Amino acid sequence: SFDRDQSGAKLASLSAVDSVALAAPGEQFIDASP
């Protein structure tokens, strides 16, 4: 089950709505602008 191709395809369905691990629209980061 530790399969990079298979797992990658499944993970592609996730979005920032579902998880804080992915950037949200307009999200800021302390080491980036501004």
PDB file of all heavy atoms in Angstrom:
ATOM      1  N   SER A   1       0.818  -1.216   0.000  1.00  0.00           N
ATOM      2  CA  SER A   1       0.000   0.000   0.000  1.00  0.00           C
ATOM      3  C   SER A   1       0.849   1.262   0.000  1.00  0.00           C
ATOM      4  O   SER A   1       0.364   2.331  -0.365  1.00  0.00           O
ATOM      5  CB  SER A   1      -0.938   0.016   1.210  1.00  0.00           C
ATOM      6  OG  SER A   1      -1.891  -1.009   1.115  1.00  0.00           O
ATOM      7  N   PHE A   2       2.126   1.123   0.400  1.00  0.00           N
ATOM      8  CA  PHE A   2       3.030   2.266   0.312  1.00  0.00           C
ATOM      9  C   PHE A   2       3.496   2.375  -1.136  1.00  0.00           C
ATOM     10  O   PHE A   2       4.590   1.970  -1.505  1.00  0.00           O
ATOM     11  CB  PHE A   2       4.233   2.103   1.248  1.00  0.00           C
ATOM     12  CG  PHE A   2       5.055   3.349   1.405  1.00  0.00           C
ATOM     13  CD1 PHE A   2       4.757   4.268   2.389  1.00  0.00           C
ATOM     14  CD2 PHE A   2       6.125   3.615   0.552  1.00  0.00           C
ATOM     15  CE1 PHE A   2       5.510   5.427   2.531  1.00  0.00           C
ATOM     16  CE2 PHE A   2       6.882   4.765   0.683  1.00  0.00           C
ATOM     17  CZ  PHE A   2       6.573   5.674   1.679  1.00  0.00           C
ATOM     18  N   ASP A   3       2.611   2.912  -1.977  1.00  0.00           N
ATOM     19  CA  ASP A   3       2.819   2.990  -3.420  1.00  0.00           C
ATOM     20  C   ASP A   3       2.736   4.436  -3.839  1.00  0.00           C
ATOM     21  O   ASP A   3       1.692   5.065  -3.748  1.00  0.00           O
ATOM     22  CB  ASP A   3       1.752   2.156  -4.148  1.00  0.00           C
ATOM     23  CG  ASP A   3       2.004   2.091  -5.646  1.00  0.00           C
ATOM     24  OD1 ASP A   3       2.019   3.165  -6.281  1.00  0.00           O
ATOM     25  OD2 ASP A   3       2.183   0.977  -6.159  1.00  0.00           O
ATOM     26  N   ARG A   4       3.842   4.964  -4.320  1.00  0.00           N
ATOM     27  CA  ARG A   4       3.899   6.396  -4.596  1.00  0.00           C
ATOM     28  C   ARG A   4       2.924   6.810  -5.686  1.00  0.00           C
ATOM     29  O   ARG A   4       2.239   7.821  -5.573  1.00  0.00           O
ATOM     30  CB  ARG A   4       5.321   6.798  -4.985  1.00  0.00           C
ATOM     31  CG  ARG A   4       6.284   6.743  -3.799  1.00  0.00           C
ATOM     32  CD  ARG A   4       7.656   7.224  -4.201  1.00  0.00           C
ATOM     33  NE  ARG A   4       8.260   6.305  -5.151  1.00  0.00           N
ATOM     34  CZ  ARG A   4       8.866   6.682  -6.269  1.00  0.00           C
ATOM     35  NH1 ARG A   4       8.926   7.953  -6.576  1.00  0.00           N
ATOM     36  NH2 ARG A   4       9.410   5.802  -7.072  1.00  0.00           N
ATOM     37  N   ASP A   5       2.834   6.062  -6.775  1.00  0.00           N
ATOM     38  CA  ASP A   5       1.953   6.451  -7.881  1.00  0.00           C
ATOM     39  C   ASP A   5       0.487   6.378  -7.479  1.00  0.00           C
ATOM     40  O   ASP A   5      -0.287   7.300  -7.685  1.00  0.00           O
ATOM     41  CB  ASP A   5       2.199   5.549  -9.095  1.00  0.00           C
ATOM     42  CG  ASP A   5       3.584   5.758  -9.677  1.00  0.00           C
ATOM     43  OD1 ASP A   5       4.129   6.867  -9.479  1.00  0.00           O
ATOM     44  OD2 ASP A   5       4.097   4.828 -10.298  1.00  0.00           O
ATOM     45  N   GLN A   6       0.112   5.250  -6.866  1.00  0.00           N
ATOM     46  CA  GLN A   6      -1.290   5.062  -6.459  1.00  0.00           C
ATOM     47  C   GLN A   6      -1.688   6.104  -5.418  1.00  0.00           C
ATOM     48  O   GLN A   6      -2.736   6.746  -5.519  1.00  0.00           O
ATOM     49  CB  GLN A   6      -1.480   3.659  -5.894  1.00  0.00           C
ATOM     50  CG  GLN A   6      -2.888   3.404  -5.375  1.00  0.00           C
ATOM     51  CD  GLN A   6      -3.004   2.049  -4.700  1.00  0.00           C
ATOM     52  OE1 GLN A   6      -2.040   1.309  -4.584  1.00  0.00           O
ATOM     53  NE2 GLN A   6      -4.183   1.732  -4.229  1.00  0.00           N
ATOM     54  N   SER A   7      -0.839   6.287  -4.406  1.00  0.00           N
ATOM     55  CA  SER A   7      -1.164   7.241  -3.349  1.00  0.00           C
ATOM     56  C   SER A   7      -1.231   8.650  -3.892  1.00  0.00           C
ATOM     57  O   SER A   7      -2.082   9.447  -3.509  1.00  0.00           O
ATOM     58  CB  SER A   7      -0.117   7.165  -2.224  1.00  0.00           C
ATOM     59  OG  SER A   7      -0.092   5.876  -1.672  1.00  0.00           O
ATOM     60  N   GLY A   8      -0.320   8.983  -4.822  1.00  0.00           N
ATOM     61  CA  GLY A   8      -0.305  10.318  -5.380  1.00  0.00           C
ATOM     62  C   GLY A   8      -1.587  10.653  -6.120  1.00  0.00           C
ATOM     63  O   GLY A   8      -2.101  11.762  -6.034  1.00  0.00           O
ATOM     64  N   ALA A   9      -2.115   9.676  -6.832  1.00  0.00           N
ATOM     65  CA  ALA A   9      -3.357   9.913  -7.566  1.00  0.00           C
ATOM     66  C   ALA A   9      -4.503  10.215  -6.623  1.00  0.00           C
ATOM     67  O   ALA A   9      -5.335  11.068  -6.886  1.00  0.00           O
ATOM     68  CB  ALA A   9      -3.686   8.700  -8.423  1.00  0.00           C
ATOM     69  N   LYS A  10      -4.538   9.513  -5.514  1.00  0.00           N
ATOM     70  CA  LYS A  10      -5.615   9.727  -4.550  1.00  0.00           C
ATOM     71  C   LYS A  10      -5.481  11.078  -3.869  1.00  0.00           C
ATOM     72  O   LYS A  10      -6.458  11.787  -3.668  1.00  0.00           O
ATOM     73  CB  LYS A  10      -5.619   8.616  -3.490  1.00  0.00           C
ATOM     74  CG  LYS A  10      -6.006   7.254  -4.034  1.00  0.00           C
ATOM     75  CD  LYS A  10      -5.971   6.229  -2.919  1.00  0.00           C
ATOM     76  CE  LYS A  10      -6.321   4.845  -3.420  1.00  0.00           C
ATOM     77  NZ  LYS A  10      -6.254   3.839  -2.342  1.00  0.00           N
ATOM     78  N   LEU A  11      -4.264  11.440  -3.521  1.00  0.00           N
ATOM     79  CA  LEU A  11      -4.068  12.684  -2.785  1.00  0.00           C
ATOM     80  C   LEU A  11      -4.393  13.903  -3.640  1.00  0.00           C
ATOM     81  O   LEU A  11      -4.747  14.950  -3.125  1.00  0.00           O
ATOM     82  CB  LEU A  11      -2.618  12.776  -2.291  1.00  0.00           C
ATOM     83  CG  LEU A  11      -2.321  13.898  -1.296  1.00  0.00           C
ATOM     84  CD1 LEU A  11      -3.093  13.699  -0.017  1.00  0.00           C
ATOM     85  CD2 LEU A  11      -0.841  14.000  -1.028  1.00  0.00           C
ATOM     86  N   ALA A  12      -4.323  13.743  -4.944  1.00  0.00           N
ATOM     87  CA  ALA A  12      -4.577  14.877  -5.825  1.00  0.00           C
ATOM     88  C   ALA A  12      -5.979  15.435  -5.682  1.00  0.00           C
ATOM     89  O   ALA A  12      -6.256  16.562  -6.061  1.00  0.00           O
ATOM     90  CB  ALA A  12      -4.340  14.463  -7.278  1.00  0.00           C
ATOM     91  N   SER A  13      -6.899  14.626  -5.100  1.00  0.00           N
ATOM     92  CA  SER A  13      -8.282  15.080  -4.949  1.00  0.00           C
ATOM     93  C   SER A  13      -8.457  16.026  -3.765  1.00  0.00           C
ATOM     94  O   SER A  13      -9.480  16.671  -3.633  1.00  0.00           O
ATOM     95  CB  SER A  13      -9.218  13.873  -4.781  1.00  0.00           C
ATOM     96  OG  SER A  13      -8.926  13.188  -3.573  1.00  0.00           O
ATOM     97  N   LEU A  14      -7.473  16.107  -2.891  1.00  0.00           N
ATOM     98  CA  LEU A  14      -7.581  16.986  -1.735  1.00  0.00           C
ATOM     99  C   LEU A  14      -7.437  18.443  -2.157  1.00  0.00           C
ATOM    100  O   LEU A  14      -6.815  18.769  -3.158  1.00  0.00           O
ATOM    101  CB  LEU A  14      -6.493  16.649  -0.701  1.00  0.00           C
ATOM    102  CG  LEU A  14      -6.628  15.301   0.020  1.00  0.00           C
ATOM    103  CD1 LEU A  14      -5.457  15.130   0.984  1.00  0.00           C
ATOM    104  CD2 LEU A  14      -7.937  15.192   0.752  1.00  0.00           C
ATOM    105  N   SER A  15      -8.013  19.342  -1.365  1.00  0.00           N
ATOM    106  CA  SER A  15      -7.901  20.775  -1.638  1.00  0.00           C
ATOM    107  C   SER A  15      -7.674  21.510  -0.333  1.00  0.00           C
ATOM    108  O   SER A  15      -7.748  20.940   0.749  1.00  0.00           O
ATOM    109  CB  SER A  15      -9.174  21.290  -2.300  1.00  0.00           C
ATOM    110  OG  SER A  15     -10.244  21.286  -1.371  1.00  0.00           O
ATOM    111  N   ALA A  16      -7.419  22.801  -0.438  1.00  0.00           N
ATOM    112  CA  ALA A  16      -7.217  23.621   0.748  1.00  0.00           C
ATOM    113  C   ALA A  16      -8.470  23.688   1.603  1.00  0.00           C
ATOM    114  O   ALA A  16      -8.402  23.972   2.794  1.00  0.00           O
ATOM    115  CB  ALA A  16      -6.785  25.025   0.346  1.00  0.00           C
ATOM    116  N   VAL A  17      -9.624  23.451   0.989  1.00  0.00           N
ATOM    117  CA  VAL A  17     -10.874  23.420   1.759  1.00  0.00           C
ATOM    118  C   VAL A  17     -10.843  22.278   2.765  1.00  0.00           C
ATOM    119  O   VAL A  17     -11.303  22.397   3.900  1.00  0.00           O
ATOM    120  CB  VAL A  17     -12.084  23.259   0.809  1.00  0.00           C
ATOM    121  CG1 VAL A  17     -13.365  23.028   1.607  1.00  0.00           C
ATOM    122  CG2 VAL A  17     -12.224  24.490  -0.067  1.00  0.00           C
ATOM    123  N   ASP A  18     -10.276  21.128   2.345  1.00  0.00           N
ATOM    124  CA  ASP A  18     -10.285  19.939   3.182  1.00  0.00           C
ATOM    125  C   ASP A  18      -9.187  19.948   4.229  1.00  0.00           C
ATOM    126  O   ASP A  18      -9.330  19.366   5.292  1.00  0.00           O
ATOM    127  CB  ASP A  18     -10.099  18.681   2.314  1.00  0.00           C
ATOM    128  CG  ASP A  18     -11.116  18.606   1.197  1.00  0.00           C
ATOM    129  OD1 ASP A  18     -12.316  18.663   1.492  1.00  0.00           O
ATOM    130  OD2 ASP A  18     -10.704  18.518   0.025  1.00  0.00           O
ATOM    131  N   SER A  19      -8.062  20.588   3.932  1.00  0.00           N
ATOM    132  CA  SER A  19      -6.891  20.417   4.774  1.00  0.00           C
ATOM    133  C   SER A  19      -6.111  21.714   4.900  1.00  0.00           C
ATOM    134  O   SER A  19      -5.967  22.474   3.935  1.00  0.00           O
ATOM    135  CB  SER A  19      -5.986  19.337   4.180  1.00  0.00           C
ATOM    136  OG  SER A  19      -4.759  19.260   4.863  1.00  0.00           O
ATOM    137  N   VAL A  20      -5.562  21.951   6.094  1.00  0.00           N
ATOM    138  CA  VAL A  20      -4.701  23.114   6.296  1.00  0.00           C
ATOM    139  C   VAL A  20      -3.294  22.834   5.784  1.00  0.00           C
ATOM    140  O   VAL A  20      -2.431  23.706   5.820  1.00  0.00           O
ATOM    141  CB  VAL A  20      -4.653  23.501   7.789  1.00  0.00           C
ATOM    142  CG1 VAL A  20      -5.995  24.017   8.258  1.00  0.00           C
ATOM    143  CG2 VAL A  20      -4.174  22.330   8.646  1.00  0.00           C
ATOM    144  N   ALA A  21      -3.050  21.600   5.306  1.00  0.00           N
ATOM    145  CA  ALA A  21      -1.732  21.275   4.779  1.00  0.00           C
ATOM    146  C   ALA A  21      -1.497  21.911   3.410  1.00  0.00           C
ATOM    147  O   ALA A  21      -0.356  22.040   2.964  1.00  0.00           O
ATOM    148  CB  ALA A  21      -1.566  19.760   4.677  1.00  0.00           C
ATOM    149  N   LEU A  22      -2.584  22.289   2.714  1.00  0.00           N
ATOM    150  CA  LEU A  22      -2.469  22.915   1.407  1.00  0.00           C
ATOM    151  C   LEU A  22      -2.824  24.397   1.521  1.00  0.00           C
ATOM    152  O   LEU A  22      -3.672  24.785   2.307  1.00  0.00           O
ATOM    153  CB  LEU A  22      -3.393  22.219   0.414  1.00  0.00           C
ATOM    154  CG  LEU A  22      -3.146  20.721   0.208  1.00  0.00           C
ATOM    155  CD1 LEU A  22      -4.182  20.144  -0.736  1.00  0.00           C
ATOM    156  CD2 LEU A  22      -1.739  20.471  -0.312  1.00  0.00           C
ATOM    157  N   ALA A  23      -2.170  25.216   0.723  1.00  0.00           N
ATOM    158  CA  ALA A  23      -2.357  26.662   0.815  1.00  0.00           C
ATOM    159  C   ALA A  23      -3.764  27.071   0.392  1.00  0.00           C
ATOM    160  O   ALA A  23      -4.315  26.565  -0.586  1.00  0.00           O
ATOM    161  CB  ALA A  23      -1.324  27.382  -0.046  1.00  0.00           C
ATOM    162  N   ALA A  24      -4.340  27.991   1.146  1.00  0.00           N
ATOM    163  CA  ALA A  24      -5.651  28.548   0.803  1.00  0.00           C
ATOM    164  C   ALA A  24      -5.459  29.754  -0.113  1.00  0.00           C
ATOM    165  O   ALA A  24      -4.373  30.352  -0.149  1.00  0.00           O
ATOM    166  CB  ALA A  24      -6.385  28.975   2.076  1.00  0.00           C
ATOM    167  N   PRO A  25      -6.495  30.147  -0.860  1.00  0.00           N
ATOM    168  CA  PRO A  25      -6.383  31.343  -1.710  1.00  0.00           C
ATOM    169  C   PRO A  25      -6.020  32.570  -0.887  1.00  0.00           C
ATOM    170  O   PRO A  25      -6.673  32.882   0.108  1.00  0.00           O
ATOM    171  CB  PRO A  25      -7.791  31.471  -2.306  1.00  0.00           C
ATOM    172  CG  PRO A  25      -8.357  30.074  -2.266  1.00  0.00           C
ATOM    173  CD  PRO A  25      -7.792  29.464  -1.015  1.00  0.00           C
ATOM    174  N   GLY A  26      -4.961  33.232  -1.255  1.00  0.00           N
ATOM    175  CA  GLY A  26      -4.544  34.440  -0.562  1.00  0.00           C
ATOM    176  C   GLY A  26      -3.832  34.202   0.756  1.00  0.00           C
ATOM    177  O   GLY A  26      -3.537  35.164   1.485  1.00  0.00           O
ATOM    178  N   GLU A  27      -3.530  32.953   1.083  1.00  0.00           N
ATOM    179  CA  GLU A  27      -2.866  32.668   2.364  1.00  0.00           C
ATOM    180  C   GLU A  27      -1.479  33.303   2.409  1.00  0.00           C
ATOM    181  O   GLU A  27      -0.732  33.286   1.418  1.00  0.00           O
ATOM    182  CB  GLU A  27      -2.749  31.158   2.573  1.00  0.00           C
ATOM    183  CG  GLU A  27      -2.101  30.782   3.899  1.00  0.00           C
ATOM    184  CD  GLU A  27      -2.162  29.286   4.183  1.00  0.00           C
ATOM    185  OE1 GLU A  27      -2.783  28.547   3.380  1.00  0.00           O
ATOM    186  OE2 GLU A  27      -1.601  28.861   5.212  1.00  0.00           O
ATOM    187  N   GLN A  28      -1.122  33.845   3.564  1.00  0.00           N
ATOM    188  CA  GLN A  28       0.180  34.465   3.764  1.00  0.00           C
ATOM    189  C   GLN A  28       1.100  33.537   4.557  1.00  0.00           C
ATOM    190  O   GLN A  28       0.632  32.689   5.328  1.00  0.00           O
ATOM    191  CB  GLN A  28       0.032  35.788   4.510  1.00  0.00           C
ATOM    192  CG  GLN A  28      -0.737  36.843   3.750  1.00  0.00           C
ATOM    193  CD  GLN A  28      -0.855  38.151   4.524  1.00  0.00           C
ATOM    194  OE1 GLN A  28      -0.565  38.225   5.715  1.00  0.00           O
ATOM    195  NE2 GLN A  28      -1.281  39.202   3.835  1.00  0.00           N
ATOM    196  N   PHE A  29       2.396  33.739   4.358  1.00  0.00           N
ATOM    197  CA  PHE A  29       3.408  32.965   5.073  1.00  0.00           C
ATOM    198  C   PHE A  29       4.450  33.929   5.633  1.00  0.00           C
ATOM    199  O   PHE A  29       4.800  34.927   4.985  1.00  0.00           O
ATOM    200  CB  PHE A  29       4.044  31.927   4.149  1.00  0.00           C
ATOM    201  CG  PHE A  29       3.044  30.914   3.629  1.00  0.00           C
ATOM    202  CD1 PHE A  29       2.349  31.152   2.460  1.00  0.00           C
ATOM    203  CD2 PHE A  29       2.789  29.755   4.349  1.00  0.00           C
ATOM    204  CE1 PHE A  29       1.406  30.238   1.995  1.00  0.00           C
ATOM    205  CE2 PHE A  29       1.852  28.838   3.890  1.00  0.00           C
ATOM    206  CZ  PHE A  29       1.160  29.072   2.708  1.00  0.00           C
ATOM    207  N   ILE A  30       4.917  33.614   6.824  1.00  0.00           N
ATOM    208  CA  ILE A  30       5.779  34.533   7.554  1.00  0.00           C
ATOM    209  C   ILE A  30       7.086  34.829   6.810  1.00  0.00           C
ATOM    210  O   ILE A  30       7.669  35.910   6.945  1.00  0.00           O
ATOM    211  CB  ILE A  30       6.075  33.996   8.980  1.00  0.00           C
ATOM    212  CG1 ILE A  30       6.684  35.080   9.873  1.00  0.00           C
ATOM    213  CG2 ILE A  30       6.952  32.766   8.910  1.00  0.00           C
ATOM    214  CD1 ILE A  30       5.723  36.158  10.277  1.00  0.00           C
ATOM    215  N   ASP A  31       7.540  33.872   5.975  1.00  0.00           N
ATOM    216  CA  ASP A  31       8.809  34.053   5.270  1.00  0.00           C
ATOM    217  C   ASP A  31       8.613  34.536   3.827  1.00  0.00           C
ATOM    218  O   ASP A  31       9.550  34.508   3.027  1.00  0.00           O
ATOM    219  CB  ASP A  31       9.625  32.765   5.288  1.00  0.00           C
ATOM    220  CG  ASP A  31       8.887  31.577   4.691  1.00  0.00           C
ATOM    221  OD1 ASP A  31       7.659  31.673   4.500  1.00  0.00           O
ATOM    222  OD2 ASP A  31       9.535  30.544   4.432  1.00  0.00           O
ATOM    223  N   ALA A  32       7.391  34.941   3.497  1.00  0.00           N
ATOM    224  CA  ALA A  32       7.098  35.427   2.146  1.00  0.00           C
ATOM    225  C   ALA A  32       6.448  36.804   2.237  1.00  0.00           C
ATOM    226  O   ALA A  32       6.260  37.358   3.319  1.00  0.00           O
ATOM    227  CB  ALA A  32       6.206  34.438   1.411  1.00  0.00           C
ATOM    228  N   SER A  33       6.074  37.339   1.097  1.00  0.00           N
ATOM    229  CA  SER A  33       5.450  38.668   1.050  1.00  0.00           C
ATOM    230  C   SER A  33       4.162  38.683   1.885  1.00  0.00           C
ATOM    231  O   SER A  33       3.393  37.716   1.862  1.00  0.00           O
ATOM    232  CB  SER A  33       5.122  39.015  -0.410  1.00  0.00           C
ATOM    233  OG  SER A  33       4.481  40.262  -0.495  1.00  0.00           O
ATOM    234  N   PRO A  34       3.926  39.723   2.670  1.00  0.00           N
ATOM    235  CA  PRO A  34       4.661  40.998   2.719  1.00  0.00           C
ATOM    236  C   PRO A  34       5.708  41.072   3.829  1.00  0.00           C
ATOM    237  O   PRO A  34       6.293  42.146   4.034  1.00  0.00           O
ATOM    238  CB  PRO A  34       3.530  41.992   2.998  1.00  0.00           C
ATOM    239  CG  PRO A  34       2.602  41.230   3.896  1.00  0.00           C
ATOM    240  CD  PRO A  34       2.628  39.811   3.388  1.00  0.00           C
TER     241      PRO A  34
END
